[in-house]
Amino acid sequence: MTAIQWIVGIALLIAALIMVVTVLLQSSERTGIGAVSGAAETFFGKNKAKGMDAKLALVTKICTCIFVALSIVMMFLG
């Protein structure tokens, strides 16, 4: 493997890890059993969660685009 393949491969791995972490950090749309036990979000907590989820969704979209682009580059290099 050449140096450029190593660099693209490492960048591909980092983009994949960031994508996985941001997807896992996003909250689900369902409240589930947490609503029964009182763990549901309050009115003031909803706006903060939506802001954080919006940022995580944006980071996920950016990492996905980077991942696809690097995968195509890696295909042409390898």
C-alpha atoms as a PDB file:
ATOM      1  CA  MET A   1       0.000   0.000   0.000  1.00  0.00           C
ATOM      2  CA  THR A   2       1.182   3.469  -0.796  1.00  0.00           C
ATOM      3  CA  ALA A   3       1.213   6.366   1.629  1.00  0.00           C
ATOM      4  CA  ILE A   4      -1.881   7.961   0.068  1.00  0.00           C
ATOM      5  CA  GLN A   5      -3.806   4.704   0.511  1.00  0.00           C
ATOM      6  CA  TRP A   6      -2.838   4.626   4.178  1.00  0.00           C
ATOM      7  CA  ILE A   7      -3.932   8.234   4.670  1.00  0.00           C
ATOM      8  CA  VAL A   8      -7.263   7.702   2.911  1.00  0.00           C
ATOM      9  CA  GLY A   9      -7.793   4.446   4.815  1.00  0.00           C
ATOM     10  CA  ILE A  10      -7.176   6.087   8.180  1.00  0.00           C
ATOM     11  CA  ALA A  11      -9.450   9.008   7.278  1.00  0.00           C
ATOM     12  CA  LEU A  12     -12.106   6.497   6.193  1.00  0.00           C
ATOM     13  CA  LEU A  13     -11.836   4.684   9.524  1.00  0.00           C
ATOM     14  CA  ILE A  14     -12.080   7.932  11.494  1.00  0.00           C
ATOM     15  CA  ALA A  15     -15.137   9.057   9.489  1.00  0.00           C
ATOM     16  CA  ALA A  16     -16.797   5.694  10.098  1.00  0.00           C
ATOM     17  CA  LEU A  17     -16.140   5.829  13.853  1.00  0.00           C
ATOM     18  CA  ILE A  18     -17.448   9.390  14.137  1.00  0.00           C
ATOM     19  CA  MET A  19     -20.529   8.411  12.154  1.00  0.00           C
ATOM     20  CA  VAL A  20     -21.242   5.446  14.441  1.00  0.00           C
ATOM     21  CA  VAL A  21     -20.761   7.501  17.603  1.00  0.00           C
ATOM     22  CA  THR A  22     -22.996  10.354  16.427  1.00  0.00           C
ATOM     23  CA  VAL A  23     -25.759   7.944  15.427  1.00  0.00           C
ATOM     24  CA  LEU A  24     -25.591   6.246  18.816  1.00  0.00           C
ATOM     25  CA  LEU A  25     -25.674   9.574  20.674  1.00  0.00           C
ATOM     26  CA  GLN A  26     -28.870  10.717  18.977  1.00  0.00           C
ATOM     27  CA  SER A  27     -31.983  10.244  21.057  1.00  0.00           C
ATOM     28  CA  SER A  28     -34.751   8.057  19.760  1.00  0.00           C
ATOM     29  CA  GLU A  29     -38.142   9.456  18.784  1.00  0.00           C
ATOM     30  CA  ARG A  30     -39.961   7.130  21.183  1.00  0.00           C
ATOM     31  CA  THR A  31     -40.096   7.789  24.913  1.00  0.00           C
ATOM     32  CA  GLY A  32     -40.695   4.128  25.687  1.00  0.00           C
ATOM     33  CA  ILE A  33     -40.885   2.962  29.287  1.00  0.00           C
ATOM     34  CA  GLY A  34     -39.201   6.165  30.484  1.00  0.00           C
ATOM     35  CA  ALA A  35     -42.533   8.006  30.237  1.00  0.00           C
ATOM     36  CA  VAL A  36     -44.056   5.642  32.792  1.00  0.00           C
ATOM     37  CA  SER A  37     -41.296   6.104  35.347  1.00  0.00           C
ATOM     38  CA  GLY A  38     -41.234   9.882  35.014  1.00  0.00           C
ATOM     39  CA  ALA A  39     -38.015  10.054  33.029  1.00  0.00           C
ATOM     40  CA  ALA A  40     -39.727  11.799  30.115  1.00  0.00           C
ATOM     41  CA  GLU A  41     -38.303  15.161  29.127  1.00  0.00           C
ATOM     42  CA  THR A  42     -39.726  18.325  30.592  1.00  0.00           C
ATOM     43  CA  PHE A  43     -40.818  21.297  28.519  1.00  0.00           C
ATOM     44  CA  PHE A  44     -37.517  23.106  29.008  1.00  0.00           C
ATOM     45  CA  GLY A  45     -35.425  20.032  28.258  1.00  0.00           C
ATOM     46  CA  LYS A  46     -37.101  19.415  24.898  1.00  0.00           C
ATOM     47  CA  ASN A  47     -35.595  22.439  23.164  1.00  0.00           C
ATOM     48  CA  LYS A  48     -32.117  21.614  24.386  1.00  0.00           C
ATOM     49  CA  ALA A  49     -32.423  18.014  23.220  1.00  0.00           C
ATOM     50  CA  LYS A  50     -33.721  19.069  19.804  1.00  0.00           C
ATOM     51  CA  GLY A  51     -30.791  21.460  19.402  1.00  0.00           C
ATOM     52  CA  MET A  52     -28.293  18.760  20.313  1.00  0.00           C
ATOM     53  CA  ASP A  53     -30.031  16.218  18.075  1.00  0.00           C
ATOM     54  CA  ALA A  54     -29.962  18.693  15.192  1.00  0.00           C
ATOM     55  CA  LYS A  55     -26.220  19.179  15.641  1.00  0.00           C
ATOM     56  CA  LEU A  56     -25.628  15.431  15.849  1.00  0.00           C
ATOM     57  CA  ALA A  57     -27.748  14.883  12.732  1.00  0.00           C
ATOM     58  CA  LEU A  58     -25.684  17.489  10.874  1.00  0.00           C
ATOM     59  CA  VAL A  59     -22.409  15.882  11.940  1.00  0.00           C
ATOM     60  CA  THR A  60     -23.784  12.490  10.874  1.00  0.00           C
ATOM     61  CA  LYS A  61     -24.715  13.823   7.429  1.00  0.00           C
ATOM     62  CA  ILE A  62     -21.311  15.436   6.955  1.00  0.00           C
ATOM     63  CA  CYS A  63     -19.486  12.260   8.048  1.00  0.00           C
ATOM     64  CA  THR A  64     -21.648  10.197   5.721  1.00  0.00           C
ATOM     65  CA  CYS A  65     -20.727  12.397   2.749  1.00  0.00           C
ATOM     66  CA  ILE A  66     -17.051  12.237   3.691  1.00  0.00           C
ATOM     67  CA  PHE A  67     -17.284   8.452   4.128  1.00  0.00           C
ATOM     68  CA  VAL A  68     -18.865   7.965   0.694  1.00  0.00           C
ATOM     69  CA  ALA A  69     -16.365  10.294  -0.991  1.00  0.00           C
ATOM     70  CA  LEU A  70     -13.394   8.568   0.656  1.00  0.00           C
ATOM     71  CA  SER A  71     -14.803   5.154  -0.274  1.00  0.00           C
ATOM     72  CA  ILE A  72     -14.954   6.206  -3.920  1.00  0.00           C
ATOM     73  CA  VAL A  73     -11.410   7.587  -3.751  1.00  0.00           C
ATOM     74  CA  MET A  74     -10.204   4.367  -2.137  1.00  0.00           C
ATOM     75  CA  MET A  75     -11.881   2.350  -4.890  1.00  0.00           C
ATOM     76  CA  PHE A  76      -9.931   4.235  -7.551  1.00  0.00           C
ATOM     77  CA  LEU A  77      -6.658   4.024  -5.594  1.00  0.00           C
ATOM     78  CA  GLY A  78      -6.879   0.323  -4.860  1.00  0.00           C
END
